[in-house]
Amino acid sequence: GAADDGFAIVLTNDPSYWQGGEREG
């Protein structure tokens, strides 16, 4: 109850963050 909503903004120029990965484990 300390906040009604929460937002986090992530700024990056590294495509590995939004492309994900395929390696499991």
mmCIF file of all heavy atoms, coordinates in Angstrom:
data_MODEL
# 
_entry.id   MODEL 
# 
loop_
_atom_site.group_PDB 
_atom_site.id 
_atom_site.type_symbol 
_atom_site.label_atom_id 
_atom_site.label_alt_id 
_atom_site.label_comp_id 
_atom_site.label_asym_id 
_atom_site.label_entity_id 
_atom_site.label_seq_id 
_atom_site.pdbx_PDB_ins_code 
_atom_site.Cartn_x 
_atom_site.Cartn_y 
_atom_site.Cartn_z 
_atom_site.occupancy 
_atom_site.B_iso_or_equiv 
_atom_site.pdbx_formal_charge 
_atom_site.auth_seq_id 
_atom_site.auth_comp_id 
_atom_site.auth_asym_id 
_atom_site.auth_atom_id 
_atom_site.pdbx_PDB_model_num 
ATOM 1   N N   . GLY A 1 1  ? 0.793  -1.219  0.000   1.00 0.00 ? 1  GLY A N   1 
ATOM 2   C CA  . GLY A 1 1  ? 0.000  0.000   0.000   1.00 0.00 ? 1  GLY A CA  1 
ATOM 3   C C   . GLY A 1 1  ? 0.831  1.277   0.000   1.00 0.00 ? 1  GLY A C   1 
ATOM 4   O O   . GLY A 1 1  ? 0.291  2.367   0.157   1.00 0.00 ? 1  GLY A O   1 
ATOM 5   N N   . ALA A 1 2  ? 2.144  1.156   -0.198  1.00 0.00 ? 2  ALA A N   1 
ATOM 6   C CA  . ALA A 1 2  ? 3.010  2.335   -0.228  1.00 0.00 ? 2  ALA A CA  1 
ATOM 7   C C   . ALA A 1 2  ? 2.958  3.047   -1.584  1.00 0.00 ? 2  ALA A C   1 
ATOM 8   O O   . ALA A 1 2  ? 3.390  4.186   -1.690  1.00 0.00 ? 2  ALA A O   1 
ATOM 9   C CB  . ALA A 1 2  ? 4.455  1.938   0.089   1.00 0.00 ? 2  ALA A CB  1 
ATOM 10  N N   . ALA A 1 3  ? 2.400  2.380   -2.599  1.00 0.00 ? 3  ALA A N   1 
ATOM 11  C CA  . ALA A 1 3  ? 2.291  2.982   -3.933  1.00 0.00 ? 3  ALA A CA  1 
ATOM 12  C C   . ALA A 1 3  ? 1.079  2.389   -4.634  1.00 0.00 ? 3  ALA A C   1 
ATOM 13  O O   . ALA A 1 3  ? 0.721  1.234   -4.419  1.00 0.00 ? 3  ALA A O   1 
ATOM 14  C CB  . ALA A 1 3  ? 3.554  2.716   -4.750  1.00 0.00 ? 3  ALA A CB  1 
ATOM 15  N N   . ASP A 1 4  ? 0.427  3.203   -5.456  1.00 0.00 ? 4  ASP A N   1 
ATOM 16  C CA  . ASP A 1 4  ? -0.701 2.710   -6.248  1.00 0.00 ? 4  ASP A CA  1 
ATOM 17  C C   . ASP A 1 4  ? -0.219 1.982   -7.497  1.00 0.00 ? 4  ASP A C   1 
ATOM 18  O O   . ASP A 1 4  ? -0.804 0.996   -7.921  1.00 0.00 ? 4  ASP A O   1 
ATOM 19  C CB  . ASP A 1 4  ? -1.615 3.863   -6.659  1.00 0.00 ? 4  ASP A CB  1 
ATOM 20  C CG  . ASP A 1 4  ? -2.300 4.485   -5.449  1.00 0.00 ? 4  ASP A CG  1 
ATOM 21  O OD1 . ASP A 1 4  ? -2.577 3.753   -4.481  1.00 0.00 ? 4  ASP A OD1 1 
ATOM 22  O OD2 . ASP A 1 4  ? -2.551 5.700   -5.484  1.00 0.00 ? 4  ASP A OD2 1 
ATOM 23  N N   . ASP A 1 5  ? 0.810  2.481   -8.108  1.00 0.00 ? 5  ASP A N   1 
ATOM 24  C CA  . ASP A 1 5  ? 1.401  1.894   -9.310  1.00 0.00 ? 5  ASP A CA  1 
ATOM 25  C C   . ASP A 1 5  ? 2.910  2.028   -9.231  1.00 0.00 ? 5  ASP A C   1 
ATOM 26  O O   . ASP A 1 5  ? 3.427  2.845   -8.474  1.00 0.00 ? 5  ASP A O   1 
ATOM 27  C CB  . ASP A 1 5  ? 0.916  2.603   -10.584 1.00 0.00 ? 5  ASP A CB  1 
ATOM 28  C CG  . ASP A 1 5  ? -0.548 2.335   -10.858 1.00 0.00 ? 5  ASP A CG  1 
ATOM 29  O OD1 . ASP A 1 5  ? -0.923 1.149   -10.928 1.00 0.00 ? 5  ASP A OD1 1 
ATOM 30  O OD2 . ASP A 1 5  ? -1.315 3.303   -11.003 1.00 0.00 ? 5  ASP A OD2 1 
ATOM 31  N N   . GLY A 1 6  ? 3.594  1.247   -10.028 1.00 0.00 ? 6  GLY A N   1 
ATOM 32  C CA  . GLY A 1 6  ? 5.048  1.345   -10.074 1.00 0.00 ? 6  GLY A CA  1 
ATOM 33  C C   . GLY A 1 6  ? 5.537  1.184   -11.502 1.00 0.00 ? 6  GLY A C   1 
ATOM 34  O O   . GLY A 1 6  ? 4.970  0.421   -12.278 1.00 0.00 ? 6  GLY A O   1 
ATOM 35  N N   . PHE A 1 7  ? 6.554  1.928   -11.849 1.00 0.00 ? 7  PHE A N   1 
ATOM 36  C CA  . PHE A 1 7  ? 7.123  1.877   -13.193 1.00 0.00 ? 7  PHE A CA  1 
ATOM 37  C C   . PHE A 1 7  ? 8.634  1.819   -13.096 1.00 0.00 ? 7  PHE A C   1 
ATOM 38  O O   . PHE A 1 7  ? 9.231  2.497   -12.265 1.00 0.00 ? 7  PHE A O   1 
ATOM 39  C CB  . PHE A 1 7  ? 6.728  3.120   -14.001 1.00 0.00 ? 7  PHE A CB  1 
ATOM 40  C CG  . PHE A 1 7  ? 5.253  3.268   -14.185 1.00 0.00 ? 7  PHE A CG  1 
ATOM 41  C CD1 . PHE A 1 7  ? 4.496  4.002   -13.298 1.00 0.00 ? 7  PHE A CD1 1 
ATOM 42  C CD2 . PHE A 1 7  ? 4.618  2.648   -15.251 1.00 0.00 ? 7  PHE A CD2 1 
ATOM 43  C CE1 . PHE A 1 7  ? 3.137  4.139   -13.443 1.00 0.00 ? 7  PHE A CE1 1 
ATOM 44  C CE2 . PHE A 1 7  ? 3.251  2.769   -15.417 1.00 0.00 ? 7  PHE A CE2 1 
ATOM 45  C CZ  . PHE A 1 7  ? 2.506  3.515   -14.516 1.00 0.00 ? 7  PHE A CZ  1 
ATOM 46  N N   . ALA A 1 8  ? 9.228  1.014   -13.948 1.00 0.00 ? 8  ALA A N   1 
ATOM 47  C CA  . ALA A 1 8  ? 10.679 0.961   -14.055 1.00 0.00 ? 8  ALA A CA  1 
ATOM 48  C C   . ALA A 1 8  ? 11.032 1.157   -15.521 1.00 0.00 ? 8  ALA A C   1 
ATOM 49  O O   . ALA A 1 8  ? 10.418 0.550   -16.395 1.00 0.00 ? 8  ALA A O   1 
ATOM 50  C CB  . ALA A 1 8  ? 11.223 -0.370  -13.562 1.00 0.00 ? 8  ALA A CB  1 
ATOM 51  N N   . ILE A 1 9  ? 11.966 2.018   -15.785 1.00 0.00 ? 9  ILE A N   1 
ATOM 52  C CA  . ILE A 1 9  ? 12.416 2.266   -17.151 1.00 0.00 ? 9  ILE A CA  1 
ATOM 53  C C   . ILE A 1 9  ? 13.844 1.752   -17.275 1.00 0.00 ? 9  ILE A C   1 
ATOM 54  O O   . ILE A 1 9  ? 14.708 2.118   -16.476 1.00 0.00 ? 9  ILE A O   1 
ATOM 55  C CB  . ILE A 1 9  ? 12.355 3.771   -17.489 1.00 0.00 ? 9  ILE A CB  1 
ATOM 56  C CG1 . ILE A 1 9  ? 10.906 4.242   -17.406 1.00 0.00 ? 9  ILE A CG1 1 
ATOM 57  C CG2 . ILE A 1 9  ? 12.962 4.026   -18.861 1.00 0.00 ? 9  ILE A CG2 1 
ATOM 58  C CD1 . ILE A 1 9  ? 10.740 5.726   -17.558 1.00 0.00 ? 9  ILE A CD1 1 
ATOM 59  N N   . VAL A 1 10 ? 14.050 0.907   -18.246 1.00 0.00 ? 10 VAL A N   1 
ATOM 60  C CA  . VAL A 1 10 ? 15.363 0.339   -18.489 1.00 0.00 ? 10 VAL A CA  1 
ATOM 61  C C   . VAL A 1 10 ? 15.851 0.870   -19.827 1.00 0.00 ? 10 VAL A C   1 
ATOM 62  O O   . VAL A 1 10 ? 15.192 0.688   -20.845 1.00 0.00 ? 10 VAL A O   1 
ATOM 63  C CB  . VAL A 1 10 ? 15.322 -1.200  -18.514 1.00 0.00 ? 10 VAL A CB  1 
ATOM 64  C CG1 . VAL A 1 10 ? 16.689 -1.781  -18.806 1.00 0.00 ? 10 VAL A CG1 1 
ATOM 65  C CG2 . VAL A 1 10 ? 14.761 -1.727  -17.205 1.00 0.00 ? 10 VAL A CG2 1 
ATOM 66  N N   . LEU A 1 11 ? 16.978 1.524   -19.811 1.00 0.00 ? 11 LEU A N   1 
ATOM 67  C CA  . LEU A 1 11 ? 17.551 2.105   -21.020 1.00 0.00 ? 11 LEU A CA  1 
ATOM 68  C C   . LEU A 1 11 ? 18.837 1.367   -21.350 1.00 0.00 ? 11 LEU A C   1 
ATOM 69  O O   . LEU A 1 11 ? 19.738 1.280   -20.510 1.00 0.00 ? 11 LEU A O   1 
ATOM 70  C CB  . LEU A 1 11 ? 17.837 3.598   -20.797 1.00 0.00 ? 11 LEU A CB  1 
ATOM 71  C CG  . LEU A 1 11 ? 18.477 4.359   -21.942 1.00 0.00 ? 11 LEU A CG  1 
ATOM 72  C CD1 . LEU A 1 11 ? 17.533 4.394   -23.138 1.00 0.00 ? 11 LEU A CD1 1 
ATOM 73  C CD2 . LEU A 1 11 ? 18.815 5.769   -21.479 1.00 0.00 ? 11 LEU A CD2 1 
ATOM 74  N N   . THR A 1 12 ? 18.905 0.789   -22.553 1.00 0.00 ? 12 THR A N   1 
ATOM 75  C CA  . THR A 1 12 ? 20.098 0.049   -22.947 1.00 0.00 ? 12 THR A CA  1 
ATOM 76  C C   . THR A 1 12 ? 20.301 0.138   -24.454 1.00 0.00 ? 12 THR A C   1 
ATOM 77  O O   . THR A 1 12 ? 19.350 0.333   -25.198 1.00 0.00 ? 12 THR A O   1 
ATOM 78  C CB  . THR A 1 12 ? 20.026 -1.431  -22.514 1.00 0.00 ? 12 THR A CB  1 
ATOM 79  O OG1 . THR A 1 12 ? 21.238 -2.081  -22.889 1.00 0.00 ? 12 THR A OG1 1 
ATOM 80  C CG2 . THR A 1 12 ? 18.862 -2.147  -23.162 1.00 0.00 ? 12 THR A CG2 1 
ATOM 81  N N   . ASN A 1 13 ? 21.531 -0.014  -24.857 1.00 0.00 ? 13 ASN A N   1 
ATOM 82  C CA  . ASN A 1 13 ? 21.849 -0.102  -26.281 1.00 0.00 ? 13 ASN A CA  1 
ATOM 83  C C   . ASN A 1 13 ? 22.389 -1.499  -26.610 1.00 0.00 ? 13 ASN A C   1 
ATOM 84  O O   . ASN A 1 13 ? 22.934 -1.717  -27.671 1.00 0.00 ? 13 ASN A O   1 
ATOM 85  C CB  . ASN A 1 13 ? 22.858 0.976   -26.677 1.00 0.00 ? 13 ASN A CB  1 
ATOM 86  C CG  . ASN A 1 13 ? 24.167 0.867   -25.900 1.00 0.00 ? 13 ASN A CG  1 
ATOM 87  O OD1 . ASN A 1 13 ? 24.263 0.119   -24.935 1.00 0.00 ? 13 ASN A OD1 1 
ATOM 88  N ND2 . ASN A 1 13 ? 25.152 1.619   -26.317 1.00 0.00 ? 13 ASN A ND2 1 
ATOM 89  N N   . ASP A 1 14 ? 22.204 -2.438  -25.712 1.00 0.00 ? 14 ASP A N   1 
ATOM 90  C CA  . ASP A 1 14 ? 22.690 -3.803  -25.877 1.00 0.00 ? 14 ASP A CA  1 
ATOM 91  C C   . ASP A 1 14 ? 21.527 -4.697  -26.306 1.00 0.00 ? 14 ASP A C   1 
ATOM 92  O O   . ASP A 1 14 ? 20.622 -4.967  -25.510 1.00 0.00 ? 14 ASP A O   1 
ATOM 93  C CB  . ASP A 1 14 ? 23.290 -4.291  -24.557 1.00 0.00 ? 14 ASP A CB  1 
ATOM 94  C CG  . ASP A 1 14 ? 23.912 -5.657  -24.649 1.00 0.00 ? 14 ASP A CG  1 
ATOM 95  O OD1 . ASP A 1 14 ? 23.630 -6.393  -25.626 1.00 0.00 ? 14 ASP A OD1 1 
ATOM 96  O OD2 . ASP A 1 14 ? 24.680 -6.006  -23.745 1.00 0.00 ? 14 ASP A OD2 1 
ATOM 97  N N   . PRO A 1 15 ? 21.515 -5.182  -27.545 1.00 0.00 ? 15 PRO A N   1 
ATOM 98  C CA  . PRO A 1 15 ? 20.376 -5.973  -28.028 1.00 0.00 ? 15 PRO A CA  1 
ATOM 99  C C   . PRO A 1 15 ? 20.168 -7.293  -27.302 1.00 0.00 ? 15 PRO A C   1 
ATOM 100 O O   . PRO A 1 15 ? 19.090 -7.875  -27.385 1.00 0.00 ? 15 PRO A O   1 
ATOM 101 C CB  . PRO A 1 15 ? 20.692 -6.205  -29.505 1.00 0.00 ? 15 PRO A CB  1 
ATOM 102 C CG  . PRO A 1 15 ? 22.145 -5.970  -29.654 1.00 0.00 ? 15 PRO A CG  1 
ATOM 103 C CD  . PRO A 1 15 ? 22.531 -5.003  -28.572 1.00 0.00 ? 15 PRO A CD  1 
ATOM 104 N N   . SER A 1 16 ? 21.152 -7.760  -26.561 1.00 0.00 ? 16 SER A N   1 
ATOM 105 C CA  . SER A 1 16 ? 20.967 -9.032  -25.856 1.00 0.00 ? 16 SER A CA  1 
ATOM 106 C C   . SER A 1 16 ? 19.873 -8.944  -24.794 1.00 0.00 ? 16 SER A C   1 
ATOM 107 O O   . SER A 1 16 ? 19.334 -9.959  -24.374 1.00 0.00 ? 16 SER A O   1 
ATOM 108 C CB  . SER A 1 16 ? 22.278 -9.502  -25.233 1.00 0.00 ? 16 SER A CB  1 
ATOM 109 O OG  . SER A 1 16 ? 22.675 -8.647  -24.193 1.00 0.00 ? 16 SER A OG  1 
ATOM 110 N N   . TYR A 1 17 ? 19.527 -7.741  -24.368 1.00 0.00 ? 17 TYR A N   1 
ATOM 111 C CA  . TYR A 1 17 ? 18.474 -7.594  -23.363 1.00 0.00 ? 17 TYR A CA  1 
ATOM 112 C C   . TYR A 1 17 ? 17.086 -7.826  -23.950 1.00 0.00 ? 17 TYR A C   1 
ATOM 113 O O   . TYR A 1 17 ? 16.230 -8.406  -23.306 1.00 0.00 ? 17 TYR A O   1 
ATOM 114 C CB  . TYR A 1 17 ? 18.538 -6.213  -22.707 1.00 0.00 ? 17 TYR A CB  1 
ATOM 115 C CG  . TYR A 1 17 ? 19.720 -6.079  -21.782 1.00 0.00 ? 17 TYR A CG  1 
ATOM 116 C CD1 . TYR A 1 17 ? 20.894 -5.500  -22.223 1.00 0.00 ? 17 TYR A CD1 1 
ATOM 117 C CD2 . TYR A 1 17 ? 19.665 -6.555  -20.492 1.00 0.00 ? 17 TYR A CD2 1 
ATOM 118 C CE1 . TYR A 1 17 ? 21.986 -5.380  -21.393 1.00 0.00 ? 17 TYR A CE1 1 
ATOM 119 C CE2 . TYR A 1 17 ? 20.752 -6.449  -19.641 1.00 0.00 ? 17 TYR A CE2 1 
ATOM 120 C CZ  . TYR A 1 17 ? 21.911 -5.860  -20.109 1.00 0.00 ? 17 TYR A CZ  1 
ATOM 121 O OH  . TYR A 1 17 ? 22.990 -5.764  -19.276 1.00 0.00 ? 17 TYR A OH  1 
ATOM 122 N N   . TRP A 1 18 ? 16.821 -7.373  -25.157 1.00 0.00 ? 18 TRP A N   1 
ATOM 123 C CA  . TRP A 1 18 ? 15.484 -7.539  -25.717 1.00 0.00 ? 18 TRP A CA  1 
ATOM 124 C C   . TRP A 1 18 ? 15.393 -8.706  -26.687 1.00 0.00 ? 18 TRP A C   1 
ATOM 125 O O   . TRP A 1 18 ? 14.299 -9.113  -27.046 1.00 0.00 ? 18 TRP A O   1 
ATOM 126 C CB  . TRP A 1 18 ? 14.980 -6.257  -26.366 1.00 0.00 ? 18 TRP A CB  1 
ATOM 127 C CG  . TRP A 1 18 ? 15.762 -5.784  -27.547 1.00 0.00 ? 18 TRP A CG  1 
ATOM 128 C CD1 . TRP A 1 18 ? 15.639 -6.221  -28.835 1.00 0.00 ? 18 TRP A CD1 1 
ATOM 129 C CD2 . TRP A 1 18 ? 16.760 -4.772  -27.567 1.00 0.00 ? 18 TRP A CD2 1 
ATOM 130 N NE1 . TRP A 1 18 ? 16.519 -5.561  -29.636 1.00 0.00 ? 18 TRP A NE1 1 
ATOM 131 C CE2 . TRP A 1 18 ? 17.223 -4.652  -28.888 1.00 0.00 ? 18 TRP A CE2 1 
ATOM 132 C CE3 . TRP A 1 18 ? 17.324 -3.957  -26.591 1.00 0.00 ? 18 TRP A CE3 1 
ATOM 133 C CZ2 . TRP A 1 18 ? 18.209 -3.759  -29.259 1.00 0.00 ? 18 TRP A CZ2 1 
ATOM 134 C CZ3 . TRP A 1 18 ? 18.307 -3.065  -26.968 1.00 0.00 ? 18 TRP A CZ3 1 
ATOM 135 C CH2 . TRP A 1 18 ? 18.730 -2.967  -28.279 1.00 0.00 ? 18 TRP A CH2 1 
ATOM 136 N N   . GLN A 1 19 ? 16.493 -9.268  -27.120 1.00 0.00 ? 19 GLN A N   1 
ATOM 137 C CA  . GLN A 1 19 ? 16.436 -10.413 -28.022 1.00 0.00 ? 19 GLN A CA  1 
ATOM 138 C C   . GLN A 1 19 ? 16.337 -11.724 -27.263 1.00 0.00 ? 19 GLN A C   1 
ATOM 139 O O   . GLN A 1 19 ? 16.020 -12.743 -27.837 1.00 0.00 ? 19 GLN A O   1 
ATOM 140 C CB  . GLN A 1 19 ? 17.672 -10.444 -28.927 1.00 0.00 ? 19 GLN A CB  1 
ATOM 141 C CG  . GLN A 1 19 ? 17.651 -9.335  -29.949 1.00 0.00 ? 19 GLN A CG  1 
ATOM 142 C CD  . GLN A 1 19 ? 18.912 -9.307  -30.784 1.00 0.00 ? 19 GLN A CD  1 
ATOM 143 O OE1 . GLN A 1 19 ? 19.907 -9.929  -30.446 1.00 0.00 ? 19 GLN A OE1 1 
ATOM 144 N NE2 . GLN A 1 19 ? 18.869 -8.561  -31.870 1.00 0.00 ? 19 GLN A NE2 1 
ATOM 145 N N   . GLY A 1 20 ? 16.582 -11.697 -25.983 1.00 0.00 ? 20 GLY A N   1 
ATOM 146 C CA  . GLY A 1 20 ? 16.515 -12.911 -25.196 1.00 0.00 ? 20 GLY A CA  1 
ATOM 147 C C   . GLY A 1 20 ? 17.685 -13.823 -25.495 1.00 0.00 ? 20 GLY A C   1 
ATOM 148 O O   . GLY A 1 20 ? 18.699 -13.398 -26.029 1.00 0.00 ? 20 GLY A O   1 
ATOM 149 N N   . GLY A 1 21 ? 17.553 -15.075 -25.182 1.00 0.00 ? 21 GLY A N   1 
ATOM 150 C CA  . GLY A 1 21 ? 18.601 -16.044 -25.414 1.00 0.00 ? 21 GLY A CA  1 
ATOM 151 C C   . GLY A 1 21 ? 18.003 -17.399 -25.713 1.00 0.00 ? 21 GLY A C   1 
ATOM 152 O O   . GLY A 1 21 ? 16.836 -17.648 -25.434 1.00 0.00 ? 21 GLY A O   1 
ATOM 153 N N   . GLU A 1 22 ? 18.792 -18.257 -26.273 1.00 0.00 ? 22 GLU A N   1 
ATOM 154 C CA  . GLU A 1 22 ? 18.291 -19.576 -26.639 1.00 0.00 ? 22 GLU A CA  1 
ATOM 155 C C   . GLU A 1 22 ? 18.868 -20.683 -25.777 1.00 0.00 ? 22 GLU A C   1 
ATOM 156 O O   . GLU A 1 22 ? 18.334 -21.785 -25.758 1.00 0.00 ? 22 GLU A O   1 
ATOM 157 C CB  . GLU A 1 22 ? 18.604 -19.844 -28.107 1.00 0.00 ? 22 GLU A CB  1 
ATOM 158 C CG  . GLU A 1 22 ? 17.881 -18.886 -29.027 1.00 0.00 ? 22 GLU A CG  1 
ATOM 159 C CD  . GLU A 1 22 ? 18.203 -19.140 -30.493 1.00 0.00 ? 22 GLU A CD  1 
ATOM 160 O OE1 . GLU A 1 22 ? 18.814 -20.182 -30.793 1.00 0.00 ? 22 GLU A OE1 1 
ATOM 161 O OE2 . GLU A 1 22 ? 17.847 -18.294 -31.313 1.00 0.00 ? 22 GLU A OE2 1 
ATOM 162 N N   . ARG A 1 23 ? 19.961 -20.420 -25.090 1.00 0.00 ? 23 ARG A N   1 
ATOM 163 C CA  . ARG A 1 23 ? 20.591 -21.463 -24.274 1.00 0.00 ? 23 ARG A CA  1 
ATOM 164 C C   . ARG A 1 23 ? 19.744 -21.752 -23.044 1.00 0.00 ? 23 ARG A C   1 
ATOM 165 O O   . ARG A 1 23 ? 19.322 -20.855 -22.341 1.00 0.00 ? 23 ARG A O   1 
ATOM 166 C CB  . ARG A 1 23 ? 21.981 -21.028 -23.853 1.00 0.00 ? 23 ARG A CB  1 
ATOM 167 C CG  . ARG A 1 23 ? 22.943 -20.968 -25.002 1.00 0.00 ? 23 ARG A CG  1 
ATOM 168 C CD  . ARG A 1 23 ? 24.316 -20.518 -24.596 1.00 0.00 ? 23 ARG A CD  1 
ATOM 169 N NE  . ARG A 1 23 ? 24.792 -21.207 -23.394 1.00 0.00 ? 23 ARG A NE  1 
ATOM 170 C CZ  . ARG A 1 23 ? 25.719 -20.717 -22.601 1.00 0.00 ? 23 ARG A CZ  1 
ATOM 171 N NH1 . ARG A 1 23 ? 26.272 -19.547 -22.840 1.00 0.00 ? 23 ARG A NH1 1 
ATOM 172 N NH2 . ARG A 1 23 ? 26.107 -21.388 -21.529 1.00 0.00 ? 23 ARG A NH2 1 
ATOM 173 N N   . GLU A 1 24 ? 19.514 -23.026 -22.809 1.00 0.00 ? 24 GLU A N   1 
ATOM 174 C CA  . GLU A 1 24 ? 18.764 -23.448 -21.628 1.00 0.00 ? 24 GLU A CA  1 
ATOM 175 C C   . GLU A 1 24 ? 19.741 -23.876 -20.545 1.00 0.00 ? 24 GLU A C   1 
ATOM 176 O O   . GLU A 1 24 ? 20.876 -24.225 -20.815 1.00 0.00 ? 24 GLU A O   1 
ATOM 177 C CB  . GLU A 1 24 ? 17.827 -24.601 -21.985 1.00 0.00 ? 24 GLU A CB  1 
ATOM 178 C CG  . GLU A 1 24 ? 16.768 -24.227 -22.998 1.00 0.00 ? 24 GLU A CG  1 
ATOM 179 C CD  . GLU A 1 24 ? 15.838 -23.133 -22.511 1.00 0.00 ? 24 GLU A CD  1 
ATOM 180 O OE1 . GLU A 1 24 ? 15.517 -23.104 -21.312 1.00 0.00 ? 24 GLU A OE1 1 
ATOM 181 O OE2 . GLU A 1 24 ? 15.445 -22.294 -23.330 1.00 0.00 ? 24 GLU A OE2 1 
ATOM 182 N N   . GLY A 1 25 ? 19.305 -23.863 -19.315 1.00 0.00 ? 25 GLY A N   1 
ATOM 183 C CA  . GLY A 1 25 ? 20.116 -24.334 -18.214 1.00 0.00 ? 25 GLY A CA  1 
ATOM 184 C C   . GLY A 1 25 ? 21.204 -23.368 -17.780 1.00 0.00 ? 25 GLY A C   1 
ATOM 185 O O   . GLY A 1 25 ? 22.083 -23.744 -17.026 1.00 0.00 ? 25 GLY A O   1 
# 
